Amino acid sequence: MEVPIIAPSLLSADFSDMRSALATIEGAESDWVHMDVMDGRFVPNLTFGPKMVADLRPHTHLPLDVHLMIVEPEVLVPAFVKAGADYVTFHLEATTHAHRLAQSIRALGAKVGVAIVPSTPVSLLSELLAIVDLVLVMTVDPGFGGQSLIPSCLDKCRSLASERKARSLDYLISVDGGVNSQTLPEIARSGADTLVMGSAFFAAADPAQVVRDARSAFRPQVR
Protein backbone atom coordinates (compact mmCIF):
# COMPACT_ATOMS: atom_id res chain seq x y z
CA MET A 1 0.00 0.00 0.00
CA GLU A 2 1.30 3.40 -0.97
CA VAL A 3 1.15 5.92 1.87
CA PRO A 4 -0.64 8.23 2.09
CA ILE A 5 -4.02 7.33 0.67
CA ILE A 6 -5.50 10.57 -0.69
CA ALA A 7 -9.28 10.88 -0.33
CA PRO A 8 -10.64 14.23 -1.57
CA SER A 9 -13.97 15.09 0.03
CA LEU A 10 -16.93 15.95 -2.17
CA LEU A 11 -18.18 18.21 0.62
CA SER A 12 -15.95 20.92 -0.87
CA ALA A 13 -16.95 20.24 -4.48
CA ASP A 14 -19.59 22.01 -6.54
CA PHE A 15 -22.76 20.05 -5.76
CA SER A 16 -24.23 21.06 -9.11
CA ASP A 17 -21.44 19.30 -10.99
CA MET A 18 -20.39 16.19 -9.13
CA ARG A 19 -19.29 14.32 -12.24
CA SER A 20 -16.71 17.02 -12.93
CA ALA A 21 -15.59 16.73 -9.29
CA LEU A 22 -15.01 13.01 -9.82
CA ALA A 23 -13.02 13.76 -12.95
CA THR A 24 -10.87 16.21 -10.99
CA ILE A 25 -10.26 13.64 -8.27
CA GLU A 26 -9.29 10.98 -10.78
CA GLY A 27 -7.23 13.39 -12.88
CA ALA A 28 -5.18 14.31 -9.83
CA GLU A 29 -4.40 10.61 -9.30
CA SER A 30 -6.14 10.50 -5.94
CA ASP A 31 -6.88 7.14 -4.36
CA TRP A 32 -10.42 7.35 -2.95
CA VAL A 33 -13.51 9.54 -3.08
CA HIS A 34 -14.62 10.68 0.37
CA MET A 35 -18.36 11.30 0.77
CA ASP A 36 -19.58 13.14 3.87
CA VAL A 37 -23.16 12.25 4.75
CA MET A 38 -24.72 14.73 7.20
CA ASP A 39 -28.23 14.61 8.64
CA GLY A 40 -28.61 17.97 10.36
CA ARG A 41 -28.88 16.19 13.71
CA PHE A 42 -25.54 14.58 14.50
CA VAL A 43 -23.89 17.57 12.86
CA PRO A 44 -25.37 21.01 12.07
CA ASN A 45 -25.47 20.56 8.31
CA LEU A 46 -27.19 18.56 5.56
CA THR A 47 -25.59 16.97 2.52
CA PHE A 48 -26.95 13.93 0.67
CA GLY A 49 -28.17 10.36 1.00
CA PRO A 50 -27.74 6.94 -0.64
CA LYS A 51 -29.00 8.13 -4.03
CA MET A 52 -25.97 10.38 -4.47
CA VAL A 53 -23.71 7.39 -3.85
CA ALA A 54 -25.69 5.25 -6.29
CA ASP A 55 -25.72 7.95 -8.97
CA LEU A 56 -21.96 8.53 -8.76
CA ARG A 57 -20.93 4.89 -8.44
CA PRO A 58 -20.97 4.19 -12.22
CA HIS A 59 -18.83 7.23 -12.95
CA THR A 60 -15.66 6.37 -11.03
CA HIS A 61 -13.50 3.32 -10.55
CA LEU A 62 -12.15 4.68 -7.25
CA PRO A 63 -13.31 3.33 -3.88
CA LEU A 64 -16.14 5.34 -2.34
CA ASP A 65 -15.31 6.17 1.27
CA VAL A 66 -18.68 7.02 2.85
CA HIS A 67 -18.50 8.84 6.18
CA LEU A 68 -21.82 8.74 8.03
CA MET A 69 -22.20 11.76 10.28
CA ILE A 70 -25.72 10.75 11.21
CA VAL A 71 -27.67 9.50 14.21
CA GLU A 72 -28.74 5.85 14.19
CA PRO A 73 -26.35 4.92 11.37
CA GLU A 74 -27.44 1.29 11.59
CA VAL A 75 -30.76 2.26 9.97
CA LEU A 76 -29.17 3.53 6.74
CA VAL A 77 -26.02 1.40 6.47
CA PRO A 78 -27.68 -1.25 4.25
CA ALA A 79 -28.87 1.42 1.80
CA PHE A 80 -25.40 2.96 1.50
CA VAL A 81 -23.74 -0.40 0.94
CA LYS A 82 -26.35 -1.30 -1.68
CA ALA A 83 -25.72 2.07 -3.34
CA GLY A 84 -22.06 1.17 -3.82
CA ALA A 85 -20.08 2.31 -0.78
CA ASP A 86 -16.76 0.49 -0.47
CA TYR A 87 -15.97 1.83 3.02
CA VAL A 88 -18.70 2.77 5.48
CA THR A 89 -17.54 4.78 8.48
CA PHE A 90 -19.89 5.42 11.38
CA HIS A 91 -19.35 7.57 14.45
CA LEU A 92 -18.72 5.88 17.76
CA GLU A 93 -20.76 8.65 19.41
CA ALA A 94 -23.81 7.97 17.22
CA THR A 95 -24.60 4.36 18.10
CA THR A 96 -24.86 2.26 21.24
CA HIS A 97 -23.98 -1.12 19.73
CA ALA A 98 -20.86 -0.25 17.77
CA HIS A 99 -19.52 -3.81 17.71
CA ARG A 100 -22.75 -5.12 16.21
CA LEU A 101 -22.81 -2.35 13.61
CA ALA A 102 -19.23 -3.06 12.57
CA GLN A 103 -20.07 -6.72 12.11
CA SER A 104 -23.15 -5.89 10.05
CA ILE A 105 -21.20 -3.61 7.72
CA ARG A 106 -18.70 -6.38 7.05
CA ALA A 107 -21.47 -8.93 6.56
CA LEU A 108 -22.98 -6.66 3.90
CA GLY A 109 -19.67 -6.73 2.02
CA ALA A 110 -18.18 -3.31 2.80
CA LYS A 111 -15.06 -2.30 4.68
CA VAL A 112 -15.64 -1.03 8.22
CA GLY A 113 -14.64 2.39 9.48
CA VAL A 114 -15.21 4.02 12.86
CA ALA A 115 -14.84 7.74 13.52
CA ILE A 116 -14.45 9.92 16.60
CA VAL A 117 -14.97 13.65 17.08
CA PRO A 118 -12.29 15.81 18.74
CA SER A 119 -13.83 15.53 22.22
CA THR A 120 -13.89 11.70 22.22
CA PRO A 121 -10.84 9.99 23.74
CA VAL A 122 -9.14 7.43 21.54
CA SER A 123 -9.16 4.91 24.41
CA LEU A 124 -12.88 4.30 23.80
CA LEU A 125 -11.99 2.58 20.52
CA SER A 126 -9.94 -0.17 22.11
CA GLU A 127 -12.57 -2.92 21.84
CA LEU A 128 -13.21 -2.16 18.15
CA LEU A 129 -9.70 -1.90 16.74
CA ALA A 130 -9.39 -5.60 15.96
CA ILE A 131 -12.54 -5.62 13.82
CA VAL A 132 -12.31 -2.40 11.80
CA ASP A 133 -10.45 -1.55 8.61
CA LEU A 134 -10.20 2.18 9.22
CA VAL A 135 -10.20 4.63 12.11
CA LEU A 136 -11.13 8.18 11.17
CA VAL A 137 -9.83 10.86 13.53
CA MET A 138 -11.79 14.07 13.17
CA THR A 139 -9.31 16.90 13.59
CA VAL A 140 -12.06 19.54 13.46
CA ASP A 141 -15.55 19.59 14.92
CA PRO A 142 -17.54 18.04 12.07
CA GLY A 143 -20.22 19.77 10.05
CA PHE A 144 -18.47 22.27 7.80
CA GLY A 145 -15.45 22.38 5.52
CA GLY A 146 -12.60 24.87 5.64
CA GLN A 147 -11.87 24.67 9.38
CA SER A 148 -8.44 24.72 11.04
CA LEU A 149 -6.93 21.49 12.33
CA ILE A 150 -6.93 21.02 16.12
CA PRO A 151 -3.29 20.01 16.75
CA SER A 152 -3.96 17.95 19.88
CA CYS A 153 -6.10 15.55 17.84
CA LEU A 154 -2.94 14.26 16.17
CA ASP A 155 -1.95 12.73 19.52
CA LYS A 156 -4.81 10.29 18.87
CA CYS A 157 -3.15 9.25 15.62
CA ARG A 158 0.08 8.61 17.47
CA SER A 159 -1.76 6.47 20.02
CA LEU A 160 -3.55 4.55 17.29
CA ALA A 161 -0.29 3.94 15.42
CA SER A 162 1.35 2.67 18.60
CA GLU A 163 -1.60 0.42 19.38
CA ARG A 164 -1.65 -0.92 15.83
CA LYS A 165 1.98 -1.94 16.08
CA ALA A 166 1.68 -3.36 19.59
CA ARG A 167 -1.32 -5.53 18.68
CA SER A 168 -0.17 -6.42 15.14
CA LEU A 169 -3.31 -4.93 13.63
CA ASP A 170 -3.71 -3.43 10.18
CA TYR A 171 -6.36 -0.71 10.30
CA LEU A 172 -5.83 2.53 8.42
CA ILE A 173 -5.62 5.81 10.33
CA SER A 174 -7.44 8.61 8.56
CA VAL A 175 -7.27 12.32 9.33
CA ASP A 176 -10.23 14.50 8.41
CA GLY A 177 -10.24 18.27 8.92
CA GLY A 178 -7.77 21.04 8.21
CA VAL A 179 -5.48 18.90 6.04
CA ASN A 180 -3.37 21.29 3.96
CA SER A 181 0.22 22.16 3.06
CA GLN A 182 0.85 23.75 6.47
CA THR A 183 -0.42 20.78 8.50
CA LEU A 184 0.88 17.95 6.31
CA PRO A 185 4.35 17.63 7.91
CA GLU A 186 2.93 17.11 11.40
CA ILE A 187 0.23 14.78 10.12
CA ALA A 188 2.91 12.71 8.39
CA ARG A 189 4.80 12.39 11.69
CA SER A 190 1.65 11.36 13.58
CA GLY A 191 1.34 7.89 12.06
CA ALA A 192 -1.72 8.67 9.96
CA ASP A 193 -1.77 7.12 6.51
CA THR A 194 -5.05 8.34 4.97
CA LEU A 195 -5.81 11.99 4.23
CA VAL A 196 -9.27 13.44 3.70
CA MET A 197 -8.73 16.70 1.83
CA GLY A 198 -11.56 19.13 1.15
CA SER A 199 -11.08 22.80 0.45
CA ALA A 200 -7.30 22.44 0.17
CA PHE A 201 -7.90 20.15 -2.80
CA PHE A 202 -10.90 21.66 -4.57
CA ALA A 203 -9.90 25.30 -4.10
CA ALA A 204 -6.40 24.69 -5.44
CA ALA A 205 -5.36 25.98 -8.85
CA ASP A 206 -3.68 22.61 -9.43
CA PRO A 207 -5.27 19.77 -7.41
CA ALA A 208 -2.80 17.29 -8.87
CA GLN A 209 0.04 19.29 -7.33
CA VAL A 210 -1.74 19.15 -3.96
CA VAL A 211 -1.72 15.36 -4.22
CA ARG A 212 1.94 15.27 -5.22
CA ASP A 213 2.87 17.57 -2.34
CA ALA A 214 0.97 15.35 0.12
CA ARG A 215 2.83 12.29 -1.08
CA SER A 216 6.13 14.14 -0.85
CA ALA A 217 5.42 15.12 2.74
CA PHE A 218 5.01 11.45 3.65
CA ARG A 219 7.91 10.06 1.68
CA PRO A 220 10.44 10.01 4.57
CA GLN A 221 7.88 8.50 6.95
CA VAL A 222 7.74 4.78 7.69
CA ARG A 223 4.53 3.11 8.80
C-alpha atoms as a PDB file:
ATOM      1  CA  MET A   1       0.000   0.000   0.000  1.00  0.00           C
ATOM      2  CA  GLU A   2       1.304   3.401  -0.968  1.00  0.00           C
ATOM      3  CA  VAL A   3       1.146   5.917   1.869  1.00  0.00           C
ATOM      4  CA  PRO A   4      -0.636   8.233   2.090  1.00  0.00           C
ATOM      5  CA  ILE A   5      -4.023   7.334   0.669  1.00  0.00           C
ATOM      6  CA  ILE A   6      -5.503  10.569  -0.688  1.00  0.00           C
ATOM      7  CA  ALA A   7      -9.276  10.878  -0.327  1.00  0.00           C
ATOM      8  CA  PRO A   8     -10.639  14.228  -1.572  1.00  0.00           C
ATOM      9  CA  SER A   9     -13.969  15.093   0.026  1.00  0.00           C
ATOM     10  CA  LEU A  10     -16.928  15.948  -2.175  1.00  0.00           C
ATOM     11  CA  LEU A  11     -18.179  18.209   0.619  1.00  0.00           C
ATOM     12  CA  SER A  12     -15.950  20.918  -0.869  1.00  0.00           C
ATOM     13  CA  ALA A  13     -16.947  20.237  -4.476  1.00  0.00           C
ATOM     14  CA  ASP A  14     -19.594  22.012  -6.545  1.00  0.00           C
ATOM     15  CA  PHE A  15     -22.758  20.052  -5.762  1.00  0.00           C
ATOM     16  CA  SER A  16     -24.229  21.059  -9.112  1.00  0.00           C
ATOM     17  CA  ASP A  17     -21.438  19.297 -10.994  1.00  0.00           C
ATOM     18  CA  MET A  18     -20.393  16.188  -9.125  1.00  0.00           C
ATOM     19  CA  ARG A  19     -19.294  14.316 -12.240  1.00  0.00           C
ATOM     20  CA  SER A  20     -16.705  17.016 -12.934  1.00  0.00           C
ATOM     21  CA  ALA A  21     -15.587  16.730  -9.294  1.00  0.00           C
ATOM     22  CA  LEU A  22     -15.013  13.010  -9.816  1.00  0.00           C
ATOM     23  CA  ALA A  23     -13.021  13.760 -12.950  1.00  0.00           C
ATOM     24  CA  THR A  24     -10.874  16.213 -10.989  1.00  0.00           C
ATOM     25  CA  ILE A  25     -10.257  13.639  -8.269  1.00  0.00           C
ATOM     26  CA  GLU A  26      -9.287  10.976 -10.779  1.00  0.00           C
ATOM     27  CA  GLY A  27      -7.233  13.392 -12.881  1.00  0.00           C
ATOM     28  CA  ALA A  28      -5.185  14.309  -9.827  1.00  0.00           C
ATOM     29  CA  GLU A  29      -4.402  10.606  -9.304  1.00  0.00           C
ATOM     30  CA  SER A  30      -6.137  10.504  -5.944  1.00  0.00           C
ATOM     31  CA  ASP A  31      -6.881   7.142  -4.361  1.00  0.00           C
ATOM     32  CA  TRP A  32     -10.421   7.346  -2.946  1.00  0.00           C
ATOM     33  CA  VAL A  33     -13.507   9.544  -3.082  1.00  0.00           C
ATOM     34  CA  HIS A  34     -14.620  10.682   0.373  1.00  0.00           C
ATOM     35  CA  MET A  35     -18.361  11.299   0.773  1.00  0.00           C
ATOM     36  CA  ASP A  36     -19.580  13.138   3.871  1.00  0.00           C
ATOM     37  CA  VAL A  37     -23.157  12.251   4.746  1.00  0.00           C
ATOM     38  CA  MET A  38     -24.719  14.733   7.204  1.00  0.00           C
ATOM     39  CA  ASP A  39     -28.234  14.606   8.635  1.00  0.00           C
ATOM     40  CA  GLY A  40     -28.612  17.974  10.362  1.00  0.00           C
ATOM     41  CA  ARG A  41     -28.883  16.186  13.711  1.00  0.00           C
ATOM     42  CA  PHE A  42     -25.543  14.579  14.505  1.00  0.00           C
ATOM     43  CA  VAL A  43     -23.887  17.572  12.856  1.00  0.00           C
ATOM     44  CA  PRO A  44     -25.374  21.010  12.070  1.00  0.00           C
ATOM     45  CA  ASN A  45     -25.466  20.562   8.311  1.00  0.00           C
ATOM     46  CA  LEU A  46     -27.186  18.558   5.561  1.00  0.00           C
ATOM     47  CA  THR A  47     -25.589  16.975   2.519  1.00  0.00           C
ATOM     48  CA  PHE A  48     -26.948  13.931   0.670  1.00  0.00           C
ATOM     49  CA  GLY A  49     -28.173  10.357   0.996  1.00  0.00           C
ATOM     50  CA  PRO A  50     -27.742   6.943  -0.644  1.00  0.00           C
ATOM     51  CA  LYS A  51     -29.001   8.130  -4.030  1.00  0.00           C
ATOM     52  CA  MET A  52     -25.969  10.376  -4.468  1.00  0.00           C
ATOM     53  CA  VAL A  53     -23.709   7.386  -3.847  1.00  0.00           C
ATOM     54  CA  ALA A  54     -25.695   5.247  -6.287  1.00  0.00           C
ATOM     55  CA  ASP A  55     -25.717   7.949  -8.973  1.00  0.00           C
ATOM     56  CA  LEU A  56     -21.964   8.531  -8.758  1.00  0.00           C
ATOM     57  CA  ARG A  57     -20.929   4.893  -8.438  1.00  0.00           C
ATOM     58  CA  PRO A  58     -20.970   4.185 -12.220  1.00  0.00           C
ATOM     59  CA  HIS A  59     -18.829   7.235 -12.946  1.00  0.00           C
ATOM     60  CA  THR A  60     -15.664   6.371 -11.030  1.00  0.00           C
ATOM     61  CA  HIS A  61     -13.496   3.322 -10.549  1.00  0.00           C
ATOM     62  CA  LEU A  62     -12.150   4.680  -7.247  1.00  0.00           C
ATOM     63  CA  PRO A  63     -13.306   3.328  -3.877  1.00  0.00           C
ATOM     64  CA  LEU A  64     -16.144   5.335  -2.339  1.00  0.00           C
ATOM     65  CA  ASP A  65     -15.306   6.174   1.268  1.00  0.00           C
ATOM     66  CA  VAL A  66     -18.676   7.024   2.849  1.00  0.00           C
ATOM     67  CA  HIS A  67     -18.501   8.844   6.182  1.00  0.00           C
ATOM     68  CA  LEU A  68     -21.821   8.738   8.025  1.00  0.00           C
ATOM     69  CA  MET A  69     -22.196  11.759  10.283  1.00  0.00           C
ATOM     70  CA  ILE A  70     -25.719  10.748  11.207  1.00  0.00           C
ATOM     71  CA  VAL A  71     -27.670   9.504  14.213  1.00  0.00           C
ATOM     72  CA  GLU A  72     -28.744   5.852  14.193  1.00  0.00           C
ATOM     73  CA  PRO A  73     -26.353   4.917  11.374  1.00  0.00           C
ATOM     74  CA  GLU A  74     -27.440   1.289  11.590  1.00  0.00           C
ATOM     75  CA  VAL A  75     -30.758   2.265   9.973  1.00  0.00           C
ATOM     76  CA  LEU A  76     -29.167   3.529   6.735  1.00  0.00           C
ATOM     77  CA  VAL A  77     -26.022   1.403   6.471  1.00  0.00           C
ATOM     78  CA  PRO A  78     -27.678  -1.248   4.246  1.00  0.00           C
ATOM     79  CA  ALA A  79     -28.868   1.425   1.805  1.00  0.00           C
ATOM     80  CA  PHE A  80     -25.402   2.960   1.498  1.00  0.00           C
ATOM     81  CA  VAL A  81     -23.736  -0.403   0.938  1.00  0.00           C
ATOM     82  CA  LYS A  82     -26.348  -1.299  -1.683  1.00  0.00           C
ATOM     83  CA  ALA A  83     -25.717   2.075  -3.338  1.00  0.00           C
ATOM     84  CA  GLY A  84     -22.057   1.167  -3.824  1.00  0.00           C
ATOM     85  CA  ALA A  85     -20.084   2.315  -0.782  1.00  0.00           C
ATOM     86  CA  ASP A  86     -16.758   0.495  -0.465  1.00  0.00           C
ATOM     87  CA  TYR A  87     -15.973   1.831   3.017  1.00  0.00           C
ATOM     88  CA  VAL A  88     -18.699   2.765   5.479  1.00  0.00           C
ATOM     89  CA  THR A  89     -17.542   4.776   8.480  1.00  0.00           C
ATOM     90  CA  PHE A  90     -19.893   5.417  11.379  1.00  0.00           C
ATOM     91  CA  HIS A  91     -19.347   7.575  14.448  1.00  0.00           C
ATOM     92  CA  LEU A  92     -18.720   5.884  17.762  1.00  0.00           C
ATOM     93  CA  GLU A  93     -20.755   8.646  19.409  1.00  0.00           C
ATOM     94  CA  ALA A  94     -23.812   7.966  17.220  1.00  0.00           C
ATOM     95  CA  THR A  95     -24.603   4.361  18.102  1.00  0.00           C
ATOM     96  CA  THR A  96     -24.863   2.259  21.242  1.00  0.00           C
ATOM     97  CA  HIS A  97     -23.982  -1.116  19.726  1.00  0.00           C
ATOM     98  CA  ALA A  98     -20.862  -0.252  17.766  1.00  0.00           C
ATOM     99  CA  HIS A  99     -19.517  -3.813  17.705  1.00  0.00           C
ATOM    100  CA  ARG A 100     -22.750  -5.119  16.209  1.00  0.00           C
ATOM    101  CA  LEU A 101     -22.808  -2.354  13.608  1.00  0.00           C
ATOM    102  CA  ALA A 102     -19.225  -3.056  12.569  1.00  0.00           C
ATOM    103  CA  GLN A 103     -20.074  -6.723  12.105  1.00  0.00           C
ATOM    104  CA  SER A 104     -23.152  -5.893  10.051  1.00  0.00           C
ATOM    105  CA  ILE A 105     -21.197  -3.605   7.716  1.00  0.00           C
ATOM    106  CA  ARG A 106     -18.698  -6.378   7.049  1.00  0.00           C
ATOM    107  CA  ALA A 107     -21.467  -8.930   6.565  1.00  0.00           C
ATOM    108  CA  LEU A 108     -22.975  -6.664   3.901  1.00  0.00           C
ATOM    109  CA  GLY A 109     -19.671  -6.730   2.025  1.00  0.00           C
ATOM    110  CA  ALA A 110     -18.180  -3.314   2.797  1.00  0.00           C
ATOM    111  CA  LYS A 111     -15.064  -2.298   4.683  1.00  0.00           C
ATOM    112  CA  VAL A 112     -15.642  -1.035   8.224  1.00  0.00           C
ATOM    113  CA  GLY A 113     -14.642   2.392   9.484  1.00  0.00           C
ATOM    114  CA  VAL A 114     -15.211   4.015  12.859  1.00  0.00           C
ATOM    115  CA  ALA A 115     -14.838   7.740  13.523  1.00  0.00           C
ATOM    116  CA  ILE A 116     -14.450   9.919  16.596  1.00  0.00           C
ATOM    117  CA  VAL A 117     -14.970  13.655  17.078  1.00  0.00           C
ATOM    118  CA  PRO A 118     -12.287  15.812  18.739  1.00  0.00           C
ATOM    119  CA  SER A 119     -13.829  15.532  22.220  1.00  0.00           C
ATOM    120  CA  THR A 120     -13.892  11.701  22.217  1.00  0.00           C
ATOM    121  CA  PRO A 121     -10.837   9.989  23.744  1.00  0.00           C
ATOM    122  CA  VAL A 122      -9.137   7.431  21.543  1.00  0.00           C
ATOM    123  CA  SER A 123      -9.163   4.915  24.414  1.00  0.00           C
ATOM    124  CA  LEU A 124     -12.878   4.298  23.802  1.00  0.00           C
ATOM    125  CA  LEU A 125     -11.992   2.584  20.521  1.00  0.00           C
ATOM    126  CA  SER A 126      -9.936  -0.175  22.113  1.00  0.00           C
ATOM    127  CA  GLU A 127     -12.574  -2.918  21.837  1.00  0.00           C
ATOM    128  CA  LEU A 128     -13.210  -2.164  18.148  1.00  0.00           C
ATOM    129  CA  LEU A 129      -9.699  -1.904  16.743  1.00  0.00           C
ATOM    130  CA  ALA A 130      -9.386  -5.597  15.955  1.00  0.00           C
ATOM    131  CA  ILE A 131     -12.541  -5.620  13.816  1.00  0.00           C
ATOM    132  CA  VAL A 132     -12.310  -2.398  11.799  1.00  0.00           C
ATOM    133  CA  ASP A 133     -10.446  -1.549   8.609  1.00  0.00           C
ATOM    134  CA  LEU A 134     -10.196   2.180   9.216  1.00  0.00           C
ATOM    135  CA  VAL A 135     -10.203   4.625  12.112  1.00  0.00           C
ATOM    136  CA  LEU A 136     -11.129   8.181  11.172  1.00  0.00           C
ATOM    137  CA  VAL A 137      -9.828  10.861  13.530  1.00  0.00           C
ATOM    138  CA  MET A 138     -11.791  14.073  13.171  1.00  0.00           C
ATOM    139  CA  THR A 139      -9.314  16.904  13.594  1.00  0.00           C
ATOM    140  CA  VAL A 140     -12.060  19.539  13.460  1.00  0.00           C
ATOM    141  CA  ASP A 141     -15.546  19.587  14.917  1.00  0.00           C
ATOM    142  CA  PRO A 142     -17.545  18.039  12.071  1.00  0.00           C
ATOM    143  CA  GLY A 143     -20.217  19.766  10.046  1.00  0.00           C
ATOM    144  CA  PHE A 144     -18.475  22.270   7.798  1.00  0.00           C
ATOM    145  CA  GLY A 145     -15.447  22.379   5.524  1.00  0.00           C
ATOM    146  CA  GLY A 146     -12.597  24.867   5.639  1.00  0.00           C
ATOM    147  CA  GLN A 147     -11.866  24.666   9.380  1.00  0.00           C
ATOM    148  CA  SER A 148      -8.436  24.716  11.039  1.00  0.00           C
ATOM    149  CA  LEU A 149      -6.933  21.488  12.330  1.00  0.00           C
ATOM    150  CA  ILE A 150      -6.934  21.016  16.119  1.00  0.00           C
ATOM    151  CA  PRO A 151      -3.286  20.007  16.753  1.00  0.00           C
ATOM    152  CA  SER A 152      -3.958  17.945  19.884  1.00  0.00           C
ATOM    153  CA  CYS A 153      -6.097  15.545  17.835  1.00  0.00           C
ATOM    154  CA  LEU A 154      -2.941  14.260  16.166  1.00  0.00           C
ATOM    155  CA  ASP A 155      -1.954  12.731  19.515  1.00  0.00           C
ATOM    156  CA  LYS A 156      -4.810  10.290  18.873  1.00  0.00           C
ATOM    157  CA  CYS A 157      -3.152   9.252  15.618  1.00  0.00           C
ATOM    158  CA  ARG A 158       0.083   8.611  17.474  1.00  0.00           C
ATOM    159  CA  SER A 159      -1.759   6.475  20.023  1.00  0.00           C
ATOM    160  CA  LEU A 160      -3.546   4.545  17.290  1.00  0.00           C
ATOM    161  CA  ALA A 161      -0.290   3.938  15.421  1.00  0.00           C
ATOM    162  CA  SER A 162       1.351   2.675  18.597  1.00  0.00           C
ATOM    163  CA  GLU A 163      -1.599   0.415  19.378  1.00  0.00           C
ATOM    164  CA  ARG A 164      -1.654  -0.923  15.835  1.00  0.00           C
ATOM    165  CA  LYS A 165       1.978  -1.937  16.080  1.00  0.00           C
ATOM    166  CA  ALA A 166       1.684  -3.365  19.587  1.00  0.00           C
ATOM    167  CA  ARG A 167      -1.317  -5.530  18.677  1.00  0.00           C
ATOM    168  CA  SER A 168      -0.165  -6.418  15.139  1.00  0.00           C
ATOM    169  CA  LEU A 169      -3.307  -4.932  13.632  1.00  0.00           C
ATOM    170  CA  ASP A 170      -3.715  -3.427  10.184  1.00  0.00           C
ATOM    171  CA  TYR A 171      -6.360  -0.708  10.299  1.00  0.00           C
ATOM    172  CA  LEU A 172      -5.826   2.532   8.419  1.00  0.00           C
ATOM    173  CA  ILE A 173      -5.615   5.807  10.327  1.00  0.00           C
ATOM    174  CA  SER A 174      -7.439   8.605   8.559  1.00  0.00           C
ATOM    175  CA  VAL A 175      -7.265  12.323   9.334  1.00  0.00           C
ATOM    176  CA  ASP A 176     -10.226  14.500   8.405  1.00  0.00           C
ATOM    177  CA  GLY A 177     -10.236  18.266   8.915  1.00  0.00           C
ATOM    178  CA  GLY A 178      -7.766  21.036   8.211  1.00  0.00           C
ATOM    179  CA  VAL A 179      -5.481  18.901   6.040  1.00  0.00           C
ATOM    180  CA  ASN A 180      -3.372  21.294   3.956  1.00  0.00           C
ATOM    181  CA  SER A 181       0.215  22.157   3.061  1.00  0.00           C
ATOM    182  CA  GLN A 182       0.851  23.747   6.466  1.00  0.00           C
ATOM    183  CA  THR A 183      -0.415  20.777   8.498  1.00  0.00           C
ATOM    184  CA  LEU A 184       0.878  17.947   6.305  1.00  0.00           C
ATOM    185  CA  PRO A 185       4.349  17.629   7.909  1.00  0.00           C
ATOM    186  CA  GLU A 186       2.930  17.113  11.402  1.00  0.00           C
ATOM    187  CA  ILE A 187       0.231  14.780  10.116  1.00  0.00           C
ATOM    188  CA  ALA A 188       2.906  12.708   8.392  1.00  0.00           C
ATOM    189  CA  ARG A 189       4.797  12.388  11.687  1.00  0.00           C
ATOM    190  CA  SER A 190       1.654  11.357  13.575  1.00  0.00           C
ATOM    191  CA  GLY A 191       1.339   7.891  12.060  1.00  0.00           C
ATOM    192  CA  ALA A 192      -1.722   8.667   9.963  1.00  0.00           C
ATOM    193  CA  ASP A 193      -1.770   7.125   6.507  1.00  0.00           C
ATOM    194  CA  THR A 194      -5.048   8.336   4.968  1.00  0.00           C
ATOM    195  CA  LEU A 195      -5.813  11.990   4.232  1.00  0.00           C
ATOM    196  CA  VAL A 196      -9.266  13.440   3.702  1.00  0.00           C
ATOM    197  CA  MET A 197      -8.729  16.695   1.832  1.00  0.00           C
ATOM    198  CA  GLY A 198     -11.561  19.127   1.154  1.00  0.00           C
ATOM    199  CA  SER A 199     -11.079  22.803   0.446  1.00  0.00           C
ATOM    200  CA  ALA A 200      -7.296  22.439   0.168  1.00  0.00           C
ATOM    201  CA  PHE A 201      -7.900  20.149  -2.800  1.00  0.00           C
ATOM    202  CA  PHE A 202     -10.896  21.657  -4.573  1.00  0.00           C
ATOM    203  CA  ALA A 203      -9.903  25.300  -4.102  1.00  0.00           C
ATOM    204  CA  ALA A 204      -6.401  24.693  -5.440  1.00  0.00           C
ATOM    205  CA  ALA A 205      -5.356  25.979  -8.849  1.00  0.00           C
ATOM    206  CA  ASP A 206      -3.684  22.612  -9.433  1.00  0.00           C
ATOM    207  CA  PRO A 207      -5.273  19.775  -7.411  1.00  0.00           C
ATOM    208  CA  ALA A 208      -2.801  17.294  -8.866  1.00  0.00           C
ATOM    209  CA  GLN A 209       0.041  19.295  -7.326  1.00  0.00           C
ATOM    210  CA  VAL A 210      -1.744  19.146  -3.964  1.00  0.00           C
ATOM    211  CA  VAL A 211      -1.722  15.358  -4.222  1.00  0.00           C
ATOM    212  CA  ARG A 212       1.938  15.274  -5.224  1.00  0.00           C
ATOM    213  CA  ASP A 213       2.865  17.567  -2.338  1.00  0.00           C
ATOM    214  CA  ALA A 214       0.974  15.350   0.116  1.00  0.00           C
ATOM    215  CA  ARG A 215       2.829  12.290  -1.080  1.00  0.00           C
ATOM    216  CA  SER A 216       6.128  14.140  -0.850  1.00  0.00           C
ATOM    217  CA  ALA A 217       5.418  15.121   2.743  1.00  0.00           C
ATOM    218  CA  PHE A 218       5.008  11.445   3.655  1.00  0.00           C
ATOM    219  CA  ARG A 219       7.913  10.062   1.682  1.00  0.00           C
ATOM    220  CA  PRO A 220      10.441  10.011   4.574  1.00  0.00           C
ATOM    221  CA  GLN A 221       7.878   8.499   6.947  1.00  0.00           C
ATOM    222  CA  VAL A 222       7.740   4.780   7.691  1.00  0.00           C
ATOM    223  CA  ARG A 223       4.530   3.111   8.795  1.00  0.00           C
END
